[in-house]
Each structure stands twice: as C-alpha cells, then as structure tokens.
Amino acid sequence: MLRMLKRLLSPNTLDVLLQDASLKKHKKILIAWNRGLGDIALGLYALVHRIREYLPHAEISFLTRQDLEEGFFLLGNVSVIVSPTIRRGCDFSIVEELKKLGRCPSEFDLVIEKPDPTRWLYWQIGKLTPRLIWKSEWDALYERFALPASTLAPAIGVHVQTETCYNYEKNWPASHWNNFFAQAAKDLGAHIYLFGFQRQPVFEGPNIVDLRGKTNLLEMLSIIKNRCTHLVVPDSGVLSLTYYLDIGTPLRVVSLWADPRQGILRQKVASPNLSFSHLPMVGKNKDTSRIPVEEVLEALTSNRVGSPRRF
C-alpha cells in the first residue's frame, strides 16, 4: 500500500523526461532494451504510446539483442538497431555497442538507457490494450514447414519451456507434458507443434512435430495464426505476443500459471482479437505441477473462459 501511494504521489520519471524533450523539440529517441520478449507487448507498447503522446512525430529506435529484433516489428513505426554482442541478463554500454556498429549516441536527441516500464507505465494497467501489428505478408511464412492442413482434429501449439529463470518455477513438469501429449494424441487425435528455442527436454510420441529451434519469431506466430486451433502455454513471451496480436483469427488458449500477478493477467485488459478464447489455470502456492493434465485436456474442448481456475 505504501509503495502504491508513493508511486501515485511521486512525479513519473518518464513523463518528466518527455515533458523536457517536448519543450526542447526533441525528435530522435533511442531506447536500450535487453529484457524479455513478452515485455515488448506488456511494457514497450505503452512506452511507445506515451512517447507519441508527448512527441507525435518522434523517430523511435530500440537498441537490442538479435533474438528480439522481430518482436519490435510488431510495434510498427519504430526502428531496431541490433547488436550481435548484447546478451540477455548482461549489462551493456550504449556508447560501446553503438561504436561497434559505427554509430554514436549524438545521433539522438534523447537516449533512455534503463527504461523501467513497471514503474513508469503503471497507469496502463486495466486501461491500455496493446495492439500488435500483423502484416498480411507474414501469413505465408508457415508454408515452408509443410504442416498438415486444417482437419477436424485439433492442432495444438505448445510452448513447453519459458527458457527464463525466476525465483519460482514457471513451467509445467516434463512428466505432465508427456502425459498430456499422449492423451491429446490418443483421445483427440491432435497434431502437436512444439515451439521455443531450446530442444530440451526431449519429447517423443505420435503426432508431435518438434519445431523448437527451427522457426524465427514471425514464422512461429504465422504457424499459430494459420495452422493452430489451440495453444497451451505457460506465462511466457509466446503467450503475451499471441494474446495481443491485433487479428481476428479464432484461437482457443489454455495458459498455465505459477503467479497470476504477472504477464497478461496483470494487464487486466482483453485481447484485441475478438475470436481469442482464453482460460487461465493457476497452481496453488506457485506450483504449476498442481494443475491436472485432465483439466487442461478438458479445458481445450470446453467453452469456458474468464477468471483463472485454481488447483
């Protein structure tokens, strides 16, 4: 409560920066970013929105690592400067990274080295709906994977591992996934597509197509949009980006949570995709292993949506 009161009473650091930039008629903005993929939707969309409220004609650029580049394409009307030497979780010098690329901070009117969306953009919670741009030219990207055309059987996209470290376990246990895959293939005849970067742990079984490490971000989203009828995911970047795509494609999503105070549940706004059907499931005491396989399978074929179910 005290923290929230302090936040409400203190000047917003971002607004102070942007008020000054507006007075000085700044136009070129550079923002350093080295956090998660999902934060592009959860935080940086609002950051761009706020900048344009103060500086409608701003030229906004992000300096970031290579694996995040395509995520910024979804914001629209921003530029991305990629440095191949930036590593997630490692601090970097804007000056040094730009120097490696033959560029200089003096090219920009305002450089934001350490943006803090959690504090600066708290006002967006429950008010601003991120709308990530999807270009029609990306729809054909799934074709190179020769996946089966839509049938009566479900096509379930799965992100089995968030590939990030927290002070609690975000991921469903591998044993649960194995059980889920076996039952989904047997009882539903489902085709299962695995997404992610890392090909561990290994999952084998009927109807499983392991696409981990084989797609870039836009290819993965193209598969989800054009070939998946269902999605089962933990609180991850895959969920956040899919949830906020500004499209009208039907998709049934079951999400698995250890902490429902994070991610899209914290945002408290609906998906801009009116055909997006979502049922979150939460494990008690931040324990995703409490979420039963049978409940996830049942949720895929039900019409239930709304508040998180707790186990």
C-alpha atoms as a PDB file:
ATOM      1  CA  MET A   1       0.000   0.000   0.000  1.00  0.00           C
ATOM      2  CA  LEU A   2       2.799   2.441   0.893  1.00  0.00           C
ATOM      3  CA  ARG A   3       4.621   1.586  -2.303  1.00  0.00           C
ATOM      4  CA  MET A   4       1.488   2.225  -4.382  1.00  0.00           C
ATOM      5  CA  LEU A   5       0.847   5.526  -2.566  1.00  0.00           C
ATOM      6  CA  LYS A   6       4.436   6.634  -3.177  1.00  0.00           C
ATOM      7  CA  ARG A   7       4.084   5.778  -6.862  1.00  0.00           C
ATOM      8  CA  LEU A   8       0.884   7.820  -7.137  1.00  0.00           C
ATOM      9  CA  LEU A   9       2.327  10.846  -5.369  1.00  0.00           C
ATOM     10  CA  SER A  10       5.789  10.901  -6.975  1.00  0.00           C
ATOM     11  CA  PRO A  11       6.415  12.518 -10.362  1.00  0.00           C
ATOM     12  CA  ASN A  12       6.527   9.969 -13.154  1.00  0.00           C
ATOM     13  CA  THR A  13      10.143   9.776 -14.338  1.00  0.00           C
ATOM     14  CA  LEU A  14       9.172   9.073 -17.939  1.00  0.00           C
ATOM     15  CA  ASP A  15       6.696  11.945 -18.076  1.00  0.00           C
ATOM     16  CA  VAL A  16       9.318  14.329 -16.685  1.00  0.00           C
ATOM     17  CA  LEU A  17      11.767  13.203 -19.389  1.00  0.00           C
ATOM     18  CA  LEU A  18       9.177  13.575 -22.126  1.00  0.00           C
ATOM     19  CA  GLN A  19       7.959  16.975 -20.945  1.00  0.00           C
ATOM     20  CA  ASP A  20      11.523  18.221 -21.156  1.00  0.00           C
ATOM     21  CA  ALA A  21      12.000  16.584 -24.558  1.00  0.00           C
ATOM     22  CA  SER A  22       8.828  18.246 -25.822  1.00  0.00           C
ATOM     23  CA  LEU A  23      10.000  21.679 -24.676  1.00  0.00           C
ATOM     24  CA  LYS A  24      13.316  21.122 -26.422  1.00  0.00           C
ATOM     25  CA  LYS A  25      11.528  19.828 -29.552  1.00  0.00           C
ATOM     26  CA  HIS A  26      13.417  16.559 -29.472  1.00  0.00           C
ATOM     27  CA  LYS A  27      12.616  14.153 -32.258  1.00  0.00           C
ATOM     28  CA  LYS A  28      15.079  11.255 -32.312  1.00  0.00           C
ATOM     29  CA  ILE A  29      14.735   8.853 -29.358  1.00  0.00           C
ATOM     30  CA  LEU A  30      16.945   5.842 -28.613  1.00  0.00           C
ATOM     31  CA  ILE A  31      15.886   3.234 -26.041  1.00  0.00           C
ATOM     32  CA  ALA A  32      18.110   0.400 -24.839  1.00  0.00           C
ATOM     33  CA  TRP A  33      16.346  -2.919 -24.203  1.00  0.00           C
ATOM     34  CA  ASN A  34      17.711  -6.263 -23.029  1.00  0.00           C
ATOM     35  CA  ARG A  35      14.862  -7.953 -21.193  1.00  0.00           C
ATOM     36  CA  GLY A  36      12.206 -10.448 -22.252  1.00  0.00           C
ATOM     37  CA  LEU A  37      10.274 -10.899 -25.473  1.00  0.00           C
ATOM     38  CA  GLY A  38       6.892 -10.631 -23.756  1.00  0.00           C
ATOM     39  CA  ASP A  39       7.794  -7.205 -22.389  1.00  0.00           C
ATOM     40  CA  ILE A  40       7.540  -5.825 -25.911  1.00  0.00           C
ATOM     41  CA  ALA A  41       3.775  -6.223 -25.628  1.00  0.00           C
ATOM     42  CA  LEU A  42       3.452  -5.783 -21.868  1.00  0.00           C
ATOM     43  CA  GLY A  43       5.645  -2.699 -21.480  1.00  0.00           C
ATOM     44  CA  LEU A  44       7.179  -1.282 -24.625  1.00  0.00           C
ATOM     45  CA  TYR A  45       3.889  -0.882 -26.473  1.00  0.00           C
ATOM     46  CA  ALA A  46       2.771   1.508 -23.714  1.00  0.00           C
ATOM     47  CA  LEU A  47       6.184   3.189 -23.711  1.00  0.00           C
ATOM     48  CA  VAL A  48       5.890   3.973 -27.431  1.00  0.00           C
ATOM     49  CA  HIS A  49       2.292   5.087 -26.886  1.00  0.00           C
ATOM     50  CA  ARG A  50       3.377   7.517 -24.146  1.00  0.00           C
ATOM     51  CA  ILE A  51       6.255   8.936 -26.157  1.00  0.00           C
ATOM     52  CA  ARG A  52       3.936   9.693 -29.053  1.00  0.00           C
ATOM     53  CA  GLU A  53       1.507  11.480 -26.735  1.00  0.00           C
ATOM     54  CA  TYR A  54       4.265  13.984 -25.943  1.00  0.00           C
ATOM     55  CA  LEU A  55       6.193  13.769 -29.220  1.00  0.00           C
ATOM     56  CA  PRO A  56       3.756  12.774 -32.007  1.00  0.00           C
ATOM     57  CA  HIS A  57       6.427  12.856 -34.714  1.00  0.00           C
ATOM     58  CA  ALA A  58       9.188  11.159 -32.749  1.00  0.00           C
ATOM     59  CA  GLU A  59      11.550   8.790 -34.533  1.00  0.00           C
ATOM     60  CA  ILE A  60      11.845   5.963 -32.006  1.00  0.00           C
ATOM     61  CA  SER A  61      14.685   3.443 -32.175  1.00  0.00           C
ATOM     62  CA  PHE A  62      15.476   0.482 -29.920  1.00  0.00           C
ATOM     63  CA  LEU A  63      18.983  -0.867 -29.335  1.00  0.00           C
ATOM     64  CA  THR A  64      18.615  -4.547 -28.527  1.00  0.00           C
ATOM     65  CA  ARG A  65      19.887  -8.086 -28.943  1.00  0.00           C
ATOM     66  CA  GLN A  66      19.393 -10.176 -32.069  1.00  0.00           C
ATOM     67  CA  ASP A  67      16.743 -12.622 -30.858  1.00  0.00           C
ATOM     68  CA  LEU A  68      14.356  -9.758 -30.010  1.00  0.00           C
ATOM     69  CA  GLU A  69      14.545  -7.963 -33.361  1.00  0.00           C
ATOM     70  CA  GLU A  70      11.399  -9.385 -34.959  1.00  0.00           C
ATOM     71  CA  GLY A  71       9.362  -8.691 -31.826  1.00  0.00           C
ATOM     72  CA  PHE A  72       9.835  -4.971 -32.415  1.00  0.00           C
ATOM     73  CA  PHE A  73       8.372  -5.303 -35.923  1.00  0.00           C
ATOM     74  CA  LEU A  74       5.024  -5.925 -34.197  1.00  0.00           C
ATOM     75  CA  LEU A  75       5.080  -2.451 -32.645  1.00  0.00           C
ATOM     76  CA  GLY A  76       5.025  -0.747 -36.025  1.00  0.00           C
ATOM     77  CA  ASN A  77       6.671   2.554 -36.948  1.00  0.00           C
ATOM     78  CA  VAL A  78       9.780   2.040 -34.815  1.00  0.00           C
ATOM     79  CA  SER A  79      13.357   1.250 -35.835  1.00  0.00           C
ATOM     80  CA  VAL A  80      15.511  -1.530 -34.438  1.00  0.00           C
ATOM     81  CA  ILE A  81      19.288  -1.397 -34.024  1.00  0.00           C
ATOM     82  CA  VAL A  82      20.660  -4.873 -33.335  1.00  0.00           C
ATOM     83  CA  SER A  83      23.999  -5.542 -31.728  1.00  0.00           C
ATOM     84  CA  PRO A  84      25.154  -9.170 -32.022  1.00  0.00           C
ATOM     85  CA  THR A  85      27.251  -8.823 -28.849  1.00  0.00           C
ATOM     86  CA  ILE A  86      24.386  -7.964 -26.483  1.00  0.00           C
ATOM     87  CA  ARG A  87      23.490 -10.929 -24.260  1.00  0.00           C
ATOM     88  CA  ARG A  88      20.357 -11.350 -22.174  1.00  0.00           C
ATOM     89  CA  GLY A  89      20.921 -10.666 -18.494  1.00  0.00           C
ATOM     90  CA  CYS A  90      24.192  -8.837 -19.147  1.00  0.00           C
ATOM     91  CA  ASP A  91      24.606  -5.086 -18.779  1.00  0.00           C
ATOM     92  CA  PHE A  92      25.971  -3.235 -21.773  1.00  0.00           C
ATOM     93  CA  SER A  93      27.183   0.242 -22.655  1.00  0.00           C
ATOM     94  CA  ILE A  94      25.121   2.077 -25.237  1.00  0.00           C
ATOM     95  CA  VAL A  95      28.207   4.034 -26.255  1.00  0.00           C
ATOM     96  CA  GLU A  96      30.294   0.909 -26.773  1.00  0.00           C
ATOM     97  CA  GLU A  97      27.590  -1.055 -28.600  1.00  0.00           C
ATOM     98  CA  LEU A  98      26.853   1.814 -30.975  1.00  0.00           C
ATOM     99  CA  LYS A  99      30.576   2.290 -31.548  1.00  0.00           C
ATOM    100  CA  LYS A 100      30.866  -1.343 -32.658  1.00  0.00           C
ATOM    101  CA  LEU A 101      28.171  -0.624 -35.229  1.00  0.00           C
ATOM    102  CA  GLY A 102      29.847   2.557 -36.443  1.00  0.00           C
ATOM    103  CA  ARG A 103      27.265   4.787 -34.769  1.00  0.00           C
ATOM    104  CA  CYS A 104      27.189   7.367 -31.982  1.00  0.00           C
ATOM    105  CA  PRO A 105      24.738   8.480 -29.235  1.00  0.00           C
ATOM    106  CA  SER A 106      24.987  12.049 -30.567  1.00  0.00           C
ATOM    107  CA  GLU A 107      22.753  10.930 -33.454  1.00  0.00           C
ATOM    108  CA  PHE A 108      19.856  11.013 -30.988  1.00  0.00           C
ATOM    109  CA  ASP A 109      18.203  13.840 -29.066  1.00  0.00           C
ATOM    110  CA  LEU A 110      17.224  11.646 -26.122  1.00  0.00           C
ATOM    111  CA  VAL A 111      18.794   8.368 -25.006  1.00  0.00           C
ATOM    112  CA  ILE A 112      16.897   6.239 -22.484  1.00  0.00           C
ATOM    113  CA  GLU A 113      19.469   3.802 -21.166  1.00  0.00           C
ATOM    114  CA  LYS A 114      17.471   1.986 -18.481  1.00  0.00           C
ATOM    115  CA  PRO A 115      13.723   2.147 -19.124  1.00  0.00           C
ATOM    116  CA  ASP A 116      11.516   0.937 -16.277  1.00  0.00           C
ATOM    117  CA  PRO A 117       8.072   0.040 -17.687  1.00  0.00           C
ATOM    118  CA  THR A 118       6.869  -1.448 -14.402  1.00  0.00           C
ATOM    119  CA  ARG A 119       7.192   1.894 -12.585  1.00  0.00           C
ATOM    120  CA  TRP A 120       6.839   4.367 -15.426  1.00  0.00           C
ATOM    121  CA  LEU A 121       3.802   2.790 -17.064  1.00  0.00           C
ATOM    122  CA  TYR A 122       1.756   1.596 -14.126  1.00  0.00           C
ATOM    123  CA  TRP A 123      -1.098   3.800 -15.380  1.00  0.00           C
ATOM    124  CA  GLN A 124      -1.669   1.416 -18.311  1.00  0.00           C
ATOM    125  CA  ILE A 125      -2.967  -1.438 -16.112  1.00  0.00           C
ATOM    126  CA  GLY A 126      -6.591  -2.076 -16.959  1.00  0.00           C
ATOM    127  CA  LYS A 127      -6.712   0.905 -19.330  1.00  0.00           C
ATOM    128  CA  LEU A 128      -4.493   0.447 -22.377  1.00  0.00           C
ATOM    129  CA  THR A 129      -4.916  -2.526 -24.707  1.00  0.00           C
ATOM    130  CA  PRO A 130      -1.718  -3.337 -26.612  1.00  0.00           C
ATOM    131  CA  ARG A 131      -2.437  -3.892 -30.303  1.00  0.00           C
ATOM    132  CA  LEU A 132       0.448  -5.607 -32.039  1.00  0.00           C
ATOM    133  CA  ILE A 133       0.562  -5.220 -35.796  1.00  0.00           C
ATOM    134  CA  TRP A 134       0.321  -8.290 -38.017  1.00  0.00           C
ATOM    135  CA  LYS A 135       1.224  -7.841 -41.702  1.00  0.00           C
ATOM    136  CA  SER A 136      -0.520  -9.993 -44.295  1.00  0.00           C
ATOM    137  CA  GLU A 137       2.812 -10.735 -45.940  1.00  0.00           C
ATOM    138  CA  TRP A 138       3.780 -12.785 -42.875  1.00  0.00           C
ATOM    139  CA  ASP A 139       0.858 -15.183 -43.305  1.00  0.00           C
ATOM    140  CA  ALA A 140       2.730 -17.291 -45.846  1.00  0.00           C
ATOM    141  CA  LEU A 141       5.738 -17.887 -43.564  1.00  0.00           C
ATOM    142  CA  TYR A 142       4.266 -21.102 -42.128  1.00  0.00           C
ATOM    143  CA  GLU A 143       4.236 -22.739 -45.567  1.00  0.00           C
ATOM    144  CA  ARG A 144       7.875 -23.801 -45.565  1.00  0.00           C
ATOM    145  CA  PHE A 145       7.189 -26.232 -42.708  1.00  0.00           C
ATOM    146  CA  ALA A 146       4.707 -28.354 -44.718  1.00  0.00           C
ATOM    147  CA  LEU A 147       2.343 -28.803 -41.776  1.00  0.00           C
ATOM    148  CA  PRO A 148      -0.962 -30.639 -42.284  1.00  0.00           C
ATOM    149  CA  ALA A 149      -3.894 -28.555 -43.471  1.00  0.00           C
ATOM    150  CA  SER A 150      -6.703 -27.941 -41.011  1.00  0.00           C
ATOM    151  CA  THR A 151      -8.800 -31.002 -40.236  1.00  0.00           C
ATOM    152  CA  LEU A 152     -11.473 -31.849 -37.697  1.00  0.00           C
ATOM    153  CA  ALA A 153      -8.693 -32.851 -35.286  1.00  0.00           C
ATOM    154  CA  PRO A 154      -7.197 -30.115 -33.054  1.00  0.00           C
ATOM    155  CA  ALA A 155      -3.836 -28.614 -33.968  1.00  0.00           C
ATOM    156  CA  ILE A 156      -2.285 -27.690 -30.618  1.00  0.00           C
ATOM    157  CA  GLY A 157       0.654 -25.317 -30.376  1.00  0.00           C
ATOM    158  CA  VAL A 158       2.689 -25.811 -27.208  1.00  0.00           C
ATOM    159  CA  HIS A 159       5.420 -23.756 -25.545  1.00  0.00           C
ATOM    160  CA  VAL A 160       6.866 -26.262 -23.082  1.00  0.00           C
ATOM    161  CA  GLN A 161       9.666 -24.187 -21.574  1.00  0.00           C
ATOM    162  CA  THR A 162       9.814 -20.421 -20.983  1.00  0.00           C
ATOM    163  CA  GLU A 163      13.640 -20.622 -21.126  1.00  0.00           C
ATOM    164  CA  THR A 164      13.967 -17.972 -18.424  1.00  0.00           C
ATOM    165  CA  CYS A 165      14.956 -18.044 -14.751  1.00  0.00           C
ATOM    166  CA  TYR A 166      12.758 -16.748 -11.929  1.00  0.00           C
ATOM    167  CA  ASN A 167      12.646 -17.265  -8.187  1.00  0.00           C
ATOM    168  CA  TYR A 168       9.857 -19.764  -8.772  1.00  0.00           C
ATOM    169  CA  GLU A 169       9.182 -22.444 -11.403  1.00  0.00           C
ATOM    170  CA  LYS A 170       7.036 -21.155 -14.267  1.00  0.00           C
ATOM    171  CA  ASN A 171       6.966 -24.341 -16.270  1.00  0.00           C
ATOM    172  CA  TRP A 172       4.725 -27.397 -16.168  1.00  0.00           C
ATOM    173  CA  PRO A 173       6.759 -30.543 -15.299  1.00  0.00           C
ATOM    174  CA  ALA A 174       8.018 -32.640 -18.223  1.00  0.00           C
ATOM    175  CA  SER A 175       6.077 -35.629 -16.871  1.00  0.00           C
ATOM    176  CA  HIS A 176       2.840 -33.639 -17.173  1.00  0.00           C
ATOM    177  CA  TRP A 177       3.678 -32.680 -20.740  1.00  0.00           C
ATOM    178  CA  ASN A 178       4.402 -36.302 -21.677  1.00  0.00           C
ATOM    179  CA  ASN A 179       1.081 -37.372 -20.227  1.00  0.00           C
ATOM    180  CA  PHE A 180      -0.708 -34.509 -21.959  1.00  0.00           C
ATOM    181  CA  PHE A 181       0.828 -35.286 -25.349  1.00  0.00           C
ATOM    182  CA  ALA A 182      -0.047 -38.981 -25.124  1.00  0.00           C
ATOM    183  CA  GLN A 183      -3.660 -38.312 -24.146  1.00  0.00           C
ATOM    184  CA  ALA A 184      -4.173 -35.483 -26.645  1.00  0.00           C
ATOM    185  CA  ALA A 185      -2.953 -37.700 -29.489  1.00  0.00           C
ATOM    186  CA  LYS A 186      -4.941 -40.740 -28.355  1.00  0.00           C
ATOM    187  CA  ASP A 187      -8.223 -39.147 -27.252  1.00  0.00           C
ATOM    188  CA  LEU A 188      -8.392 -36.103 -29.531  1.00  0.00           C
ATOM    189  CA  GLY A 189      -6.277 -37.230 -32.479  1.00  0.00           C
ATOM    190  CA  ALA A 190      -4.454 -33.913 -32.049  1.00  0.00           C
ATOM    191  CA  HIS A 191      -1.466 -32.699 -34.014  1.00  0.00           C
ATOM    192  CA  ILE A 192       1.013 -31.123 -31.583  1.00  0.00           C
ATOM    193  CA  TYR A 193       3.547 -28.447 -32.532  1.00  0.00           C
ATOM    194  CA  LEU A 194       6.316 -27.616 -30.064  1.00  0.00           C
ATOM    195  CA  PHE A 195       7.655 -24.041 -30.028  1.00  0.00           C
ATOM    196  CA  GLY A 196      10.738 -22.495 -28.445  1.00  0.00           C
ATOM    197  CA  PHE A 197      14.485 -22.117 -28.933  1.00  0.00           C
ATOM    198  CA  GLN A 198      15.879 -24.984 -26.868  1.00  0.00           C
ATOM    199  CA  ARG A 199      15.305 -28.594 -27.950  1.00  0.00           C
ATOM    200  CA  GLN A 200      15.459 -29.841 -24.361  1.00  0.00           C
ATOM    201  CA  PRO A 201      13.820 -31.676 -22.745  1.00  0.00           C
ATOM    202  CA  VAL A 202      13.189 -34.224 -25.487  1.00  0.00           C
ATOM    203  CA  PHE A 203       9.578 -35.170 -26.189  1.00  0.00           C
ATOM    204  CA  GLU A 204       8.641 -38.051 -28.452  1.00  0.00           C
ATOM    205  CA  GLY A 205       5.323 -39.571 -29.386  1.00  0.00           C
ATOM    206  CA  PRO A 206       2.665 -39.807 -32.076  1.00  0.00           C
ATOM    207  CA  ASN A 207       1.640 -36.613 -33.862  1.00  0.00           C
ATOM    208  CA  ILE A 208       4.369 -34.486 -32.226  1.00  0.00           C
ATOM    209  CA  VAL A 209       6.211 -32.079 -34.534  1.00  0.00           C
ATOM    210  CA  ASP A 210       9.138 -30.510 -32.698  1.00  0.00           C
ATOM    211  CA  LEU A 211       9.712 -27.056 -34.179  1.00  0.00           C
ATOM    212  CA  ARG A 212      11.932 -25.818 -31.340  1.00  0.00           C
ATOM    213  CA  GLY A 213      14.976 -24.051 -32.726  1.00  0.00           C
ATOM    214  CA  LYS A 214      13.621 -24.292 -36.289  1.00  0.00           C
ATOM    215  CA  THR A 215      11.488 -21.146 -36.521  1.00  0.00           C
ATOM    216  CA  ASN A 216      12.105 -17.473 -36.057  1.00  0.00           C
ATOM    217  CA  LEU A 217       9.513 -15.439 -34.180  1.00  0.00           C
ATOM    218  CA  LEU A 218       7.399 -14.395 -37.155  1.00  0.00           C
ATOM    219  CA  GLU A 219       7.377 -17.944 -38.533  1.00  0.00           C
ATOM    220  CA  MET A 220       6.180 -19.250 -35.173  1.00  0.00           C
ATOM    221  CA  LEU A 221       3.399 -16.647 -34.990  1.00  0.00           C
ATOM    222  CA  SER A 222       2.429 -17.441 -38.580  1.00  0.00           C
ATOM    223  CA  ILE A 223       2.047 -21.116 -37.657  1.00  0.00           C
ATOM    224  CA  ILE A 224      -0.018 -20.252 -34.590  1.00  0.00           C
ATOM    225  CA  LYS A 225      -2.252 -17.917 -36.610  1.00  0.00           C
ATOM    226  CA  ASN A 226      -2.689 -20.100 -39.676  1.00  0.00           C
ATOM    227  CA  ARG A 227      -2.310 -23.696 -38.532  1.00  0.00           C
ATOM    228  CA  CYS A 228      -3.136 -23.898 -34.810  1.00  0.00           C
ATOM    229  CA  THR A 229      -6.645 -24.263 -33.449  1.00  0.00           C
ATOM    230  CA  HIS A 230      -5.433 -24.387 -29.836  1.00  0.00           C
ATOM    231  CA  LEU A 231      -2.484 -23.194 -27.758  1.00  0.00           C
ATOM    232  CA  VAL A 232      -1.229 -24.440 -24.383  1.00  0.00           C
ATOM    233  CA  VAL A 233       1.442 -22.215 -22.840  1.00  0.00           C
ATOM    234  CA  PRO A 234       2.884 -21.007 -19.546  1.00  0.00           C
ATOM    235  CA  ASP A 235       3.189 -17.296 -18.720  1.00  0.00           C
ATOM    236  CA  SER A 236       5.705 -16.524 -21.476  1.00  0.00           C
ATOM    237  CA  GLY A 237       6.577 -14.240 -24.352  1.00  0.00           C
ATOM    238  CA  VAL A 238       4.767 -16.572 -26.743  1.00  0.00           C
ATOM    239  CA  LEU A 239       1.534 -16.095 -24.782  1.00  0.00           C
ATOM    240  CA  SER A 240       1.928 -12.320 -24.442  1.00  0.00           C
ATOM    241  CA  LEU A 241       2.610 -11.701 -28.121  1.00  0.00           C
ATOM    242  CA  THR A 242      -0.128 -14.057 -29.323  1.00  0.00           C
ATOM    243  CA  TYR A 243      -2.650 -12.580 -26.881  1.00  0.00           C
ATOM    244  CA  TYR A 244      -2.088  -9.028 -28.123  1.00  0.00           C
ATOM    245  CA  LEU A 245      -1.922  -9.650 -31.878  1.00  0.00           C
ATOM    246  CA  ASP A 246      -4.476  -7.334 -33.486  1.00  0.00           C
ATOM    247  CA  ILE A 247      -6.096 -10.002 -35.671  1.00  0.00           C
ATOM    248  CA  GLY A 248      -9.463 -11.746 -35.939  1.00  0.00           C
ATOM    249  CA  THR A 249      -8.351 -15.376 -36.055  1.00  0.00           C
ATOM    250  CA  PRO A 250     -10.127 -17.942 -33.833  1.00  0.00           C
ATOM    251  CA  LEU A 251      -7.800 -19.494 -31.249  1.00  0.00           C
ATOM    252  CA  ARG A 252      -8.544 -21.428 -28.057  1.00  0.00           C
ATOM    253  CA  VAL A 253      -5.832 -20.890 -25.427  1.00  0.00           C
ATOM    254  CA  VAL A 254      -5.233 -22.587 -22.089  1.00  0.00           C
ATOM    255  CA  SER A 255      -2.486 -20.869 -20.094  1.00  0.00           C
ATOM    256  CA  LEU A 256      -0.611 -22.344 -17.109  1.00  0.00           C
ATOM    257  CA  TRP A 257       0.388 -20.062 -14.224  1.00  0.00           C
ATOM    258  CA  ALA A 258       2.512 -20.107 -11.105  1.00  0.00           C
ATOM    259  CA  ASP A 259       1.961 -16.400 -10.357  1.00  0.00           C
ATOM    260  CA  PRO A 260      -1.196 -14.794 -11.810  1.00  0.00           C
ATOM    261  CA  ARG A 261       0.013 -11.344 -10.727  1.00  0.00           C
ATOM    262  CA  GLN A 262       2.298 -11.262 -13.756  1.00  0.00           C
ATOM    263  CA  GLY A 263       2.044 -11.067 -17.542  1.00  0.00           C
ATOM    264  CA  ILE A 264      -1.217 -10.678 -19.379  1.00  0.00           C
ATOM    265  CA  LEU A 265      -3.256 -11.364 -16.221  1.00  0.00           C
ATOM    266  CA  ARG A 266      -1.621  -8.375 -14.547  1.00  0.00           C
ATOM    267  CA  GLN A 267      -2.515  -6.174 -17.518  1.00  0.00           C
ATOM    268  CA  LYS A 268      -6.248  -6.731 -16.926  1.00  0.00           C
ATOM    269  CA  VAL A 269      -7.344  -5.980 -20.472  1.00  0.00           C
ATOM    270  CA  ALA A 270      -8.921  -8.255 -23.064  1.00  0.00           C
ATOM    271  CA  SER A 271      -7.194  -9.419 -26.215  1.00  0.00           C
ATOM    272  CA  PRO A 272      -7.813  -7.182 -29.253  1.00  0.00           C
ATOM    273  CA  ASN A 273      -8.568 -10.447 -31.086  1.00  0.00           C
ATOM    274  CA  LEU A 274     -12.306 -10.839 -30.539  1.00  0.00           C
ATOM    275  CA  SER A 275     -12.046 -14.505 -31.585  1.00  0.00           C
ATOM    276  CA  PHE A 276      -9.477 -15.248 -28.862  1.00  0.00           C
ATOM    277  CA  SER A 277     -10.871 -17.701 -26.288  1.00  0.00           C
ATOM    278  CA  HIS A 278      -8.781 -17.943 -23.117  1.00  0.00           C
ATOM    279  CA  LEU A 279      -8.909 -19.970 -19.900  1.00  0.00           C
ATOM    280  CA  PRO A 280      -6.029 -19.456 -17.407  1.00  0.00           C
ATOM    281  CA  MET A 281      -5.159 -22.165 -14.867  1.00  0.00           C
ATOM    282  CA  VAL A 282      -3.190 -21.426 -11.692  1.00  0.00           C
ATOM    283  CA  GLY A 283      -1.244 -23.793  -9.454  1.00  0.00           C
ATOM    284  CA  LYS A 284      -1.626 -23.103  -5.729  1.00  0.00           C
ATOM    285  CA  ASN A 285       1.479 -21.806  -3.916  1.00  0.00           C
ATOM    286  CA  LYS A 286       3.141 -21.031  -7.259  1.00  0.00           C
ATOM    287  CA  ASP A 287       3.262 -24.753  -8.080  1.00  0.00           C
ATOM    288  CA  THR A 288       2.272 -25.474 -11.678  1.00  0.00           C
ATOM    289  CA  SER A 289       2.516 -29.226 -11.031  1.00  0.00           C
ATOM    290  CA  ARG A 290      -0.805 -28.918  -9.192  1.00  0.00           C
ATOM    291  CA  ILE A 291      -2.582 -28.171 -12.490  1.00  0.00           C
ATOM    292  CA  PRO A 292      -4.007 -31.555 -13.573  1.00  0.00           C
ATOM    293  CA  VAL A 293      -3.412 -32.862 -17.080  1.00  0.00           C
ATOM    294  CA  GLU A 294      -7.033 -33.984 -17.292  1.00  0.00           C
ATOM    295  CA  GLU A 295      -8.266 -30.469 -16.538  1.00  0.00           C
ATOM    296  CA  VAL A 296      -6.111 -28.958 -19.290  1.00  0.00           C
ATOM    297  CA  LEU A 297      -7.399 -31.520 -21.792  1.00  0.00           C
ATOM    298  CA  GLU A 298     -10.987 -30.863 -20.755  1.00  0.00           C
ATOM    299  CA  ALA A 299     -10.457 -27.089 -20.994  1.00  0.00           C
ATOM    300  CA  LEU A 300      -9.280 -27.379 -24.585  1.00  0.00           C
ATOM    301  CA  THR A 301     -12.626 -28.741 -25.724  1.00  0.00           C
ATOM    302  CA  SER A 302     -14.879 -26.687 -23.446  1.00  0.00           C
ATOM    303  CA  ASN A 303     -16.234 -23.190 -23.962  1.00  0.00           C
ATOM    304  CA  ARG A 304     -15.268 -21.921 -20.529  1.00  0.00           C
ATOM    305  CA  VAL A 305     -13.442 -18.604 -20.336  1.00  0.00           C
ATOM    306  CA  GLY A 306     -12.880 -15.901 -17.780  1.00  0.00           C
ATOM    307  CA  SER A 307     -11.297 -15.808 -14.340  1.00  0.00           C
ATOM    308  CA  PRO A 308      -8.364 -18.119 -13.597  1.00  0.00           C
ATOM    309  CA  ARG A 309      -9.197 -21.600 -12.328  1.00  0.00           C
ATOM    310  CA  ARG A 310      -7.114 -22.565  -9.288  1.00  0.00           C
ATOM    311  CA  PHE A 311      -5.824 -26.001  -8.311  1.00  0.00           C
END
